[in-house]
Protein backbone atom coordinates (compact mmCIF):
# COMPACT_ATOMS: atom_id res chain seq x y z
CA UNK A 1 84.34 100.01 84.18
CA UNK A 2 86.11 100.54 80.86
CA UNK A 3 85.01 98.71 77.71
CA UNK A 4 86.34 95.16 77.58
CA UNK A 5 88.91 94.66 74.83
CA UNK A 6 89.51 91.08 73.68
CA UNK A 7 93.14 90.94 72.53
CA UNK A 8 94.74 88.00 70.65
CA UNK A 9 94.99 84.94 72.92
CA UNK A 10 97.97 84.30 75.18
CA UNK A 11 98.91 81.28 77.28
CA UNK A 12 101.31 80.44 80.09
CA UNK A 13 101.88 78.01 82.92
CA UNK A 14 100.41 79.71 86.00
CA UNK A 15 101.86 77.39 88.65
CA UNK A 16 105.50 76.84 89.70
CA UNK A 17 107.44 74.54 87.38
CA UNK A 18 108.29 71.21 88.98
CA UNK A 19 106.88 67.89 90.05
CA UNK A 20 103.52 68.12 91.72
CA UNK A 21 100.00 66.80 91.69
CA UNK A 22 98.47 69.54 89.55
CA UNK A 23 99.70 72.28 87.23
CA UNK A 24 97.54 75.06 85.80
CA UNK A 25 97.84 76.55 82.32
CA UNK A 26 95.98 79.79 81.67
CA UNK A 27 94.73 80.88 78.22
CA UNK A 28 93.06 84.27 77.76
CA UNK A 29 91.94 86.46 74.86
CA UNK A 30 89.84 86.59 71.74
CA UNK A 31 88.75 83.09 70.66
CA UNK A 32 90.64 81.53 73.60
CA UNK A 33 87.84 79.00 74.10
CA UNK A 34 87.82 78.08 70.40
CA UNK A 35 91.60 77.65 70.37
CA UNK A 36 91.49 75.24 73.30
CA UNK A 37 88.49 73.43 71.81
CA UNK A 38 90.59 72.52 68.75
CA UNK A 39 92.89 70.30 70.86
CA UNK A 40 90.42 69.28 73.60
CA UNK A 41 88.50 66.03 73.38
CA UNK A 42 85.45 65.98 75.61
CA UNK A 43 82.48 68.35 75.91
CA UNK A 44 82.19 71.00 73.20
CA UNK A 45 83.74 73.94 75.07
CA UNK A 46 82.26 76.47 72.66
CA UNK A 47 78.75 75.80 74.01
CA UNK A 48 79.77 75.33 77.64
CA UNK A 49 78.46 77.80 80.22
CA UNK A 50 80.82 80.20 81.97
CA UNK A 51 82.33 79.09 85.28
CA UNK A 52 81.96 75.39 84.51
CA UNK A 53 84.50 72.55 84.71
CA UNK A 54 84.88 69.86 82.05
CA UNK A 55 86.90 66.62 81.96
CA UNK A 56 88.65 65.71 78.73
CA UNK A 57 91.95 65.08 76.98
CA UNK A 58 94.46 67.38 75.33
CA UNK A 59 95.57 65.82 72.04
CA UNK A 60 98.21 66.67 69.46
CA UNK A 61 97.42 67.31 65.80
CA UNK A 62 97.85 63.57 65.10
CA UNK A 63 95.31 62.84 67.88
CA UNK A 64 97.94 61.41 70.25
CA UNK A 65 96.91 62.05 73.86
CA UNK A 66 99.11 64.48 75.77
CA UNK A 67 97.28 64.33 79.11
CA UNK A 68 93.90 63.99 80.77
CA UNK A 69 92.84 67.39 82.04
CA UNK A 70 90.11 69.55 83.56
CA UNK A 71 89.15 72.65 81.55
CA UNK A 72 87.51 75.55 83.42
CA UNK A 73 85.63 78.09 81.31
CA UNK A 74 85.41 81.80 82.22
CA UNK A 75 83.57 83.95 79.71
CA UNK A 76 84.35 87.66 79.61
CA UNK A 77 83.77 90.04 81.22
CA UNK A 78 83.39 87.72 84.24
CA UNK A 79 87.01 86.56 84.33
CA UNK A 80 90.29 87.73 85.84
CA UNK A 81 91.36 89.54 82.67
CA UNK A 82 87.85 90.46 81.53
CA UNK A 83 88.47 88.36 78.41
CA UNK A 84 87.33 84.84 77.55
CA UNK A 85 89.60 82.60 79.60
CA UNK A 86 90.30 78.88 79.95
CA UNK A 87 92.28 77.38 82.81
CA UNK A 88 93.54 73.85 82.20
CA UNK A 89 94.47 71.68 85.17
CA UNK A 90 96.82 68.90 84.11
CA UNK A 91 99.26 66.56 85.88
CA UNK A 92 102.11 68.49 87.43
CA UNK A 93 105.20 66.92 85.92
CA UNK A 94 107.62 69.24 84.11
CA UNK A 95 107.45 67.42 80.76
CA UNK A 96 103.70 66.85 80.67
CA UNK A 97 102.96 70.45 81.66
CA UNK A 98 105.28 71.79 78.98
CA UNK A 99 103.75 69.41 76.42
CA UNK A 100 100.23 70.64 77.18
CA UNK A 101 101.40 74.27 76.86
CA UNK A 102 103.17 73.59 73.57
CA UNK A 103 100.04 71.90 72.20
CA UNK A 104 97.99 74.98 73.11
CA UNK A 105 100.55 77.30 71.49
CA UNK A 106 100.34 75.26 68.26
CA UNK A 107 96.70 76.30 67.94
CA UNK A 108 97.70 79.89 67.17
CA UNK A 109 98.12 81.12 70.73
CA UNK A 110 101.05 83.32 71.76
CA UNK A 111 103.19 82.70 74.86
CA UNK A 112 102.41 85.34 77.49
CA UNK A 113 104.91 87.93 78.70
CA UNK A 114 105.57 88.44 82.45
CA UNK A 115 102.54 90.07 84.06
CA UNK A 116 100.55 90.18 80.82
CA UNK A 117 97.40 88.61 82.30
CA UNK A 118 97.27 91.16 85.13
CA UNK A 119 98.11 93.98 82.71
CA UNK A 120 95.08 93.00 80.63
CA UNK A 121 92.98 92.94 83.80
CA UNK A 122 94.10 96.51 84.53
CA UNK A 123 93.52 97.73 80.96
CA UNK A 124 90.03 96.20 81.03
CA UNK A 125 89.16 97.95 84.28
CA UNK A 126 89.11 94.81 86.41
CA UNK A 127 91.80 96.21 88.71
CA UNK A 128 93.22 99.64 89.52
CA UNK A 129 96.96 99.98 88.97
CA UNK A 130 97.69 99.94 92.71
CA UNK A 131 95.67 96.71 93.01
CA UNK A 132 97.60 95.19 90.10
CA UNK A 133 100.86 96.01 91.89
CA UNK A 134 99.46 94.37 95.02
CA UNK A 135 99.11 91.11 93.06
CA UNK A 136 102.88 91.09 92.50
CA UNK A 137 103.48 92.02 96.16
CA UNK A 138 101.29 89.12 97.25
CA UNK A 139 103.19 86.67 95.05
CA UNK A 140 106.59 87.86 96.31
CA UNK A 141 105.58 88.27 99.98
CA UNK A 142 107.97 86.53 102.38
CA UNK A 143 106.18 87.19 105.67
CA UNK A 144 102.64 87.10 107.04
CA UNK A 145 102.67 90.86 107.60
CA UNK A 146 103.70 91.40 103.97
CA UNK A 147 100.75 89.24 102.89
CA UNK A 148 98.42 91.31 105.11
CA UNK A 149 99.71 94.57 103.63
CA UNK A 150 99.36 93.30 100.05
CA UNK A 151 95.81 92.09 100.71
CA UNK A 152 94.88 95.51 102.10
CA UNK A 153 95.95 97.10 98.83
CA UNK A 154 94.42 94.34 96.70
CA UNK A 155 91.06 94.97 98.40
CA UNK A 156 91.26 98.53 97.07
CA UNK A 157 91.72 100.38 100.37
CA UNK A 158 94.56 102.56 99.07
CA UNK A 159 92.55 103.28 95.92
CA UNK A 160 89.59 104.38 98.05
CA UNK A 161 91.76 106.95 99.83
CA UNK A 162 93.25 108.21 96.59
CA UNK A 163 89.87 108.54 94.88
CA UNK A 164 88.53 110.50 97.86
CA UNK A 165 91.55 112.83 97.71
CA UNK A 166 91.15 113.28 93.95
CA UNK A 167 87.43 114.06 94.20
CA UNK A 168 88.11 116.77 96.78
CA UNK A 169 90.75 118.32 94.53
CA UNK A 170 88.42 118.04 91.52
CA UNK A 171 85.70 119.91 93.45
CA UNK A 172 88.18 122.62 94.48
CA UNK A 173 89.54 122.93 90.94
CA UNK A 174 86.04 123.21 89.50
CA UNK A 175 85.23 126.12 91.80
CA UNK A 176 88.46 127.93 90.97
CA UNK A 177 88.12 127.43 87.20
CA UNK A 178 84.43 128.37 87.20
CA UNK A 179 85.42 131.64 88.80
CA UNK A 180 87.98 132.17 86.02
CA UNK A 181 85.23 131.81 83.41
CA UNK A 182 83.40 134.73 84.97
CA UNK A 183 86.44 136.85 85.82
CA UNK A 184 85.16 139.86 83.87
CA UNK A 185 81.86 139.83 85.80
CA UNK A 186 83.81 139.82 89.08
CA UNK A 187 81.80 136.82 90.35
CA UNK A 188 83.31 134.78 93.22
CA UNK A 189 82.36 131.10 93.44
CA UNK A 190 85.16 129.87 95.72
CA UNK A 191 85.13 130.78 99.39
CA UNK A 192 88.82 131.40 100.01
CA UNK A 193 88.73 130.38 103.67
CA UNK A 194 86.82 127.18 102.97
CA UNK A 195 89.17 126.39 100.09
CA UNK A 196 92.22 126.93 102.26
CA UNK A 197 90.72 124.72 104.98
CA UNK A 198 89.98 121.97 102.45
CA UNK A 199 93.50 122.03 101.01
CA UNK A 200 95.13 122.15 104.46
CA UNK A 201 93.12 119.14 105.64
CA UNK A 202 94.07 117.29 102.46
CA UNK A 203 97.79 117.85 103.03
CA UNK A 204 97.39 116.53 106.59
CA UNK A 205 95.56 113.40 105.38
CA UNK A 206 98.16 112.75 102.69
CA UNK A 207 100.88 113.32 105.27
CA UNK A 208 99.29 110.73 107.57
CA UNK A 209 99.36 108.22 104.73
CA UNK A 210 102.98 109.07 103.96
CA UNK A 211 103.90 108.50 107.61
CA UNK A 212 103.07 104.81 107.15
CA UNK A 213 105.67 104.34 104.40
CA UNK A 214 108.70 103.48 106.55
CA UNK A 215 106.73 100.80 108.36
CA UNK A 216 105.25 99.62 105.06
CA UNK A 217 108.71 99.38 103.50
CA UNK A 218 109.98 97.21 106.35
CA UNK A 219 106.88 95.00 106.16
CA UNK A 220 107.21 94.55 102.40
CA UNK A 221 110.99 94.35 101.94
CA UNK A 222 112.07 93.13 105.38
CA UNK A 223 114.29 94.67 108.05
CA UNK A 224 117.85 94.75 106.71
CA UNK A 225 119.71 93.67 109.86
CA UNK A 226 123.50 93.87 109.82
CA UNK A 227 125.70 91.99 112.30
CA UNK A 228 129.03 93.75 112.73
CA UNK A 229 131.94 93.40 115.14
CA UNK A 230 135.49 92.11 115.51
CA UNK A 231 136.54 88.72 114.09
CA UNK A 232 135.23 85.75 116.09
CA UNK A 233 132.62 87.89 117.85
CA UNK A 234 129.96 85.25 117.12
CA UNK A 235 128.21 86.91 114.16
CA UNK A 236 127.99 83.75 112.04
CA UNK A 237 126.96 81.63 115.04
CA UNK A 238 124.14 84.03 115.87
CA UNK A 239 122.92 84.10 112.26
CA UNK A 240 122.87 80.28 112.19
CA UNK A 241 121.04 80.18 115.51
CA UNK A 242 118.31 82.56 114.35
CA UNK A 243 117.67 80.90 110.98
CA UNK A 244 117.96 77.40 112.47
CA UNK A 245 120.52 76.07 109.98
CA UNK A 246 124.25 76.28 109.21
CA UNK A 247 123.88 79.13 106.74
CA UNK A 248 127.29 80.65 107.58
CA UNK A 249 130.57 78.80 108.11
CA UNK A 250 131.75 78.93 111.73
CA UNK A 251 135.34 78.24 112.80
CA UNK A 252 137.70 79.49 115.49
CA UNK A 253 139.91 81.00 112.77
CA UNK A 254 139.67 84.80 112.66
CA UNK A 255 138.62 86.08 109.24
CA UNK A 256 136.57 83.01 108.24
CA UNK A 257 133.77 85.22 106.91
CA UNK A 258 135.23 87.21 104.02
CA UNK A 259 132.07 88.45 102.36
CA UNK A 260 128.58 89.45 103.45
CA UNK A 261 126.21 86.49 103.85
CA UNK A 262 122.44 87.04 103.64
CA UNK A 263 119.67 84.93 105.15
CA UNK A 264 115.94 85.52 105.58
CA UNK A 265 114.44 85.05 109.03
CA UNK A 266 110.78 85.49 110.00
CA UNK A 267 109.83 86.50 113.51
CA UNK A 268 106.23 87.09 114.57
CA UNK A 269 105.15 87.78 110.99
CA UNK A 270 107.98 90.23 110.23
CA UNK A 271 110.80 89.43 107.80
CA UNK A 272 114.38 90.16 108.87
CA UNK A 273 117.06 90.07 106.18
CA UNK A 274 120.05 89.06 108.28
CA UNK A 275 123.49 90.04 106.97
CA UNK A 276 126.61 88.45 108.43
CA UNK A 277 129.68 90.57 107.73
CA UNK A 278 133.44 90.14 107.73
CA UNK A 279 135.11 90.87 111.08
CA UNK A 280 136.27 94.47 111.46
CA UNK A 281 140.07 94.66 111.60
CA UNK A 282 143.10 95.92 109.71
CA UNK A 283 144.39 93.24 107.34
CA UNK A 284 146.85 92.89 104.48
CA UNK A 285 144.79 90.07 102.96
CA UNK A 286 143.20 91.69 99.88
CA UNK A 287 140.16 89.40 99.92
CA UNK A 288 139.48 89.92 103.62
CA UNK A 289 140.05 93.68 103.21
CA UNK A 290 137.38 93.76 100.50
CA UNK A 291 135.07 91.88 102.89
CA UNK A 292 135.66 94.55 105.57
CA UNK A 293 134.88 97.24 102.99
CA UNK A 294 131.60 95.51 102.16
CA UNK A 295 130.83 95.29 105.88
CA UNK A 296 131.08 99.07 106.09
CA UNK A 297 128.76 99.46 103.09
CA UNK A 298 126.22 97.04 104.59
CA UNK A 299 126.29 99.08 107.82
CA UNK A 300 125.45 102.26 105.90
CA UNK A 301 122.42 100.62 104.25
CA UNK A 302 121.06 98.87 107.36
CA UNK A 303 117.62 99.24 108.95
CA UNK A 304 118.97 97.70 112.16
CA UNK A 305 122.59 97.39 113.30
CA UNK A 306 123.63 94.74 115.83
CA UNK A 307 127.22 95.18 117.06
CA UNK A 308 128.48 91.97 118.65
CA UNK A 309 131.20 92.05 121.31
CA UNK A 310 132.96 88.83 122.34
CA UNK A 311 132.71 88.76 126.16
CA UNK A 312 135.47 86.15 126.40
CA UNK A 313 137.97 88.90 125.48
CA UNK A 314 138.53 92.02 127.57
CA UNK A 315 137.15 95.26 126.15
CA UNK A 316 140.14 97.39 125.14
CA UNK A 317 140.25 101.11 124.43
CA UNK A 318 140.34 100.66 120.65
CA UNK A 319 137.13 98.63 120.68
CA UNK A 320 135.44 101.11 123.02
CA UNK A 321 136.22 103.87 120.54
CA UNK A 322 135.09 101.69 117.63
CA UNK A 323 131.73 100.99 119.31
CA UNK A 324 131.26 104.68 120.10
CA UNK A 325 132.06 105.59 116.50
CA UNK A 326 129.50 103.13 115.10
CA UNK A 327 126.86 104.36 117.56
CA UNK A 328 127.54 107.91 116.43
CA UNK A 329 127.41 107.02 112.72
CA UNK A 330 124.18 105.06 113.12
CA UNK A 331 122.28 108.35 113.77
CA UNK A 332 118.70 107.41 112.79
CA UNK A 333 119.41 103.70 112.36
CA UNK A 334 118.43 101.60 115.40
CA UNK A 335 121.60 100.25 117.07
CA UNK A 336 121.98 97.30 119.44
CA UNK A 337 125.13 96.48 121.40
CA UNK A 338 125.07 92.78 122.24
CA UNK A 339 127.62 90.88 124.28
CA UNK A 340 128.21 87.32 122.99
CA UNK A 341 129.66 84.14 124.51
CA UNK A 342 128.16 85.00 127.89
CA UNK A 343 129.05 81.50 129.08
CA UNK A 344 132.75 82.39 128.59
CA UNK A 345 132.64 85.96 129.92
CA UNK A 346 135.83 87.21 131.56
CA UNK A 347 135.75 89.47 134.64
CA UNK A 348 136.41 93.12 133.93
CA UNK A 349 136.94 95.95 136.39
CA UNK A 350 134.86 98.40 134.34
CA UNK A 351 133.18 97.95 130.99
CA UNK A 352 132.47 101.65 130.33
CA UNK A 353 129.87 100.67 127.75
CA UNK A 354 126.22 99.82 128.13
CA UNK A 355 125.19 96.48 126.64
CA UNK A 356 121.59 96.22 125.49
CA UNK A 357 121.81 92.48 126.04
CA UNK A 358 124.25 89.68 126.74
CA UNK A 359 123.71 86.29 125.10
CA UNK A 360 125.19 82.87 124.50
CA UNK A 361 124.13 81.47 121.15
CA UNK A 362 125.66 78.06 121.87
CA UNK A 363 123.88 77.80 125.22
CA UNK A 364 120.69 79.40 123.82
CA UNK A 365 120.82 81.95 126.63
CA UNK A 366 118.73 85.13 126.15
CA UNK A 367 118.17 84.33 122.45
CA UNK A 368 114.38 84.61 122.75
CA UNK A 369 114.82 87.93 124.53
CA UNK A 370 117.17 89.12 121.78
CA UNK A 371 114.54 88.32 119.14
CA UNK A 372 111.98 90.46 120.96
CA UNK A 373 114.43 93.33 121.41
CA UNK A 374 115.43 93.20 117.73
CA UNK A 375 111.81 93.52 116.63
CA UNK A 376 111.07 96.22 119.20
CA UNK A 377 114.11 98.29 118.20
CA UNK A 378 113.53 97.85 114.45
CA UNK A 379 109.99 99.21 114.76
CA UNK A 380 110.82 101.93 117.25
CA UNK A 381 108.61 105.00 116.75
CA UNK A 382 106.72 103.21 113.96
CA UNK A 383 103.03 102.28 113.87
CA UNK A 384 103.03 98.54 113.19
CA UNK A 385 99.27 98.00 112.96
CA UNK A 386 98.82 96.18 109.65
CA UNK A 387 95.05 96.17 110.16
CA UNK A 388 95.30 99.79 108.98
CA UNK A 389 96.51 100.83 105.53
CA UNK A 390 100.26 100.95 104.89
CA UNK A 391 101.97 102.58 101.92
CA UNK A 392 104.55 100.00 100.81
CA UNK A 393 105.57 101.23 97.34
CA UNK A 394 108.21 103.88 96.73
CA UNK A 395 106.30 104.82 93.57
CA UNK A 396 103.19 105.55 95.61
CA UNK A 397 105.23 107.44 98.21
CA UNK A 398 106.82 109.65 95.54
CA UNK A 399 103.43 110.45 93.97
CA UNK A 400 101.94 111.32 97.38
CA UNK A 401 104.90 113.54 98.23
CA UNK A 402 104.67 115.41 94.92
CA UNK A 403 100.92 115.81 95.32
CA UNK A 404 101.35 117.25 98.81
CA UNK A 405 103.99 119.67 97.51
CA UNK A 406 101.62 120.96 94.80
CA UNK A 407 98.83 121.37 97.36
CA UNK A 408 101.14 123.37 99.64
CA UNK A 409 102.08 125.53 96.66
CA UNK A 410 98.37 126.11 96.00
CA UNK A 411 97.86 127.15 99.64
CA UNK A 412 100.78 129.58 99.35
CA UNK A 413 99.31 130.99 96.12
CA UNK A 414 95.98 131.42 97.88
CA UNK A 415 97.61 133.23 100.82
CA UNK A 416 99.60 135.47 98.47
CA UNK A 417 96.45 136.48 96.63
CA UNK A 418 97.55 135.05 93.28
CA UNK A 419 94.94 134.66 90.57
CA UNK A 420 92.98 131.45 90.10
CA UNK A 421 94.92 130.36 87.02
CA UNK A 422 98.08 129.89 89.11
CA UNK A 423 96.06 128.07 91.75
CA UNK A 424 94.49 125.84 89.10
CA UNK A 425 97.89 124.75 87.73
CA UNK A 426 99.00 123.46 91.15
CA UNK A 427 95.68 121.74 91.82
CA UNK A 428 95.72 119.96 88.47
CA UNK A 429 99.33 118.87 89.03
CA UNK A 430 98.36 117.41 92.44
CA UNK A 431 95.43 115.67 90.76
CA UNK A 432 97.66 114.13 88.12
CA UNK A 433 100.18 112.81 90.65
CA UNK A 434 97.43 111.05 92.62
CA UNK A 435 96.05 109.66 89.36
CA UNK A 436 99.32 107.89 88.63
CA UNK A 437 98.81 105.72 91.74
CA UNK A 438 95.52 104.17 90.65
CA UNK A 439 96.33 104.28 86.93
CA UNK A 440 93.77 106.92 85.98
CA UNK A 441 96.79 108.76 84.56
CA UNK A 442 99.73 106.71 83.35
CA UNK A 443 102.02 106.00 80.42
CA UNK A 444 103.40 102.98 78.62
CA UNK A 445 106.86 103.19 80.26
CA UNK A 446 105.35 103.11 83.76
CA UNK A 447 103.20 100.10 82.88
CA UNK A 448 106.14 98.22 81.36
CA UNK A 449 108.21 98.86 84.50
CA UNK A 450 105.44 97.71 86.85
CA UNK A 451 104.34 94.56 85.03
CA UNK A 452 107.90 93.40 84.26
CA UNK A 453 108.14 92.54 87.99
CA UNK A 454 105.50 89.82 87.62
CA UNK A 455 106.11 86.17 86.98
CA UNK A 456 104.97 84.63 83.69
CA UNK A 457 101.42 83.30 84.00
CA UNK A 458 100.10 86.05 86.25
């Protein structure tokens, strides 16, 4: 663990602002306990043991009582940040919470920036960088599976893999560079076949981790599910049915939906980001035309496309061609063709299209089956076992990809008989890329970008 650095004290409200039973205000840094002591009336906090709770009152400079509180003492390095820390539990009203915070700030404490507590925890070696990022993922998680994935990373499982990879590369690099030191004596320390085997196995292991990214992305960010189809095909009705509320306006007037409408829907622990789009048709209405344009854009960015066909209207040639065109354009994007208004279906001689499912949202017919099919199709050809590690961050994916590329270049250099100095350059580059994941190698711009995602107080 790195040496603990006690920075000037910072403070922030660590719980959501609003009316509630309890709010928590966190203070951390050099002399944090002394700063709180100056406005706390109760036990002398400066002599209190670490990890103890004390009842008292927060008072202003004129000794007027702000609130009765509980003060919890955490002495560094045994705290979240590694610094001396005080957590004050006060009553949860907006005004009283803000008043307690302002009183603390008047003691010479600075208001914390977003993510500053967790950044201090990282800088003091309490967390690896990937674990720090997992804290933000856990806070922002919108599904049970996203919570599971964040907890996996927070427990350090990704870091364990990365450290194992890095140690193997360090061992390989040491052998290659030791051989360079004795190049004039023509001494060979690195067994070329063993080295090639080690690097090849590493690229396979990194590749296996990379293969989890698409599933991890869907778990973390949700499945972007786009409902498309002709006007009055039942897109808004289906969205309302799935989310269980009137999120989208539904009328019998064609063109009611003029813009994309988003709604989050959880199913069996997986988040679906449902997008209701404007009905596809030629129109001279500029606003509706812009809505159709946005529908096309949403289609291009979808993780799952659900084309809805109104079964109460016959399927004409134009719509057959339109469906075929969307199926063709979907390429790698899972595509579902769903017939709607099954209760009003008209007889047709020949449909000439294959429906994945026919439903009636109003009659709740086949809706449960549709939910299962949507999940199945969204995760097609993906390993959805969140008990195993998933890569959920594009930053981690990029670093793993670059590392694998450098390792492959090292293998090529080895096969081509290039000297060890060329091999060493690629190995060190792979090592550096992996180091950016855990924070063993980083820079200020990367840290600012990562911790700016956090809420204030964490």
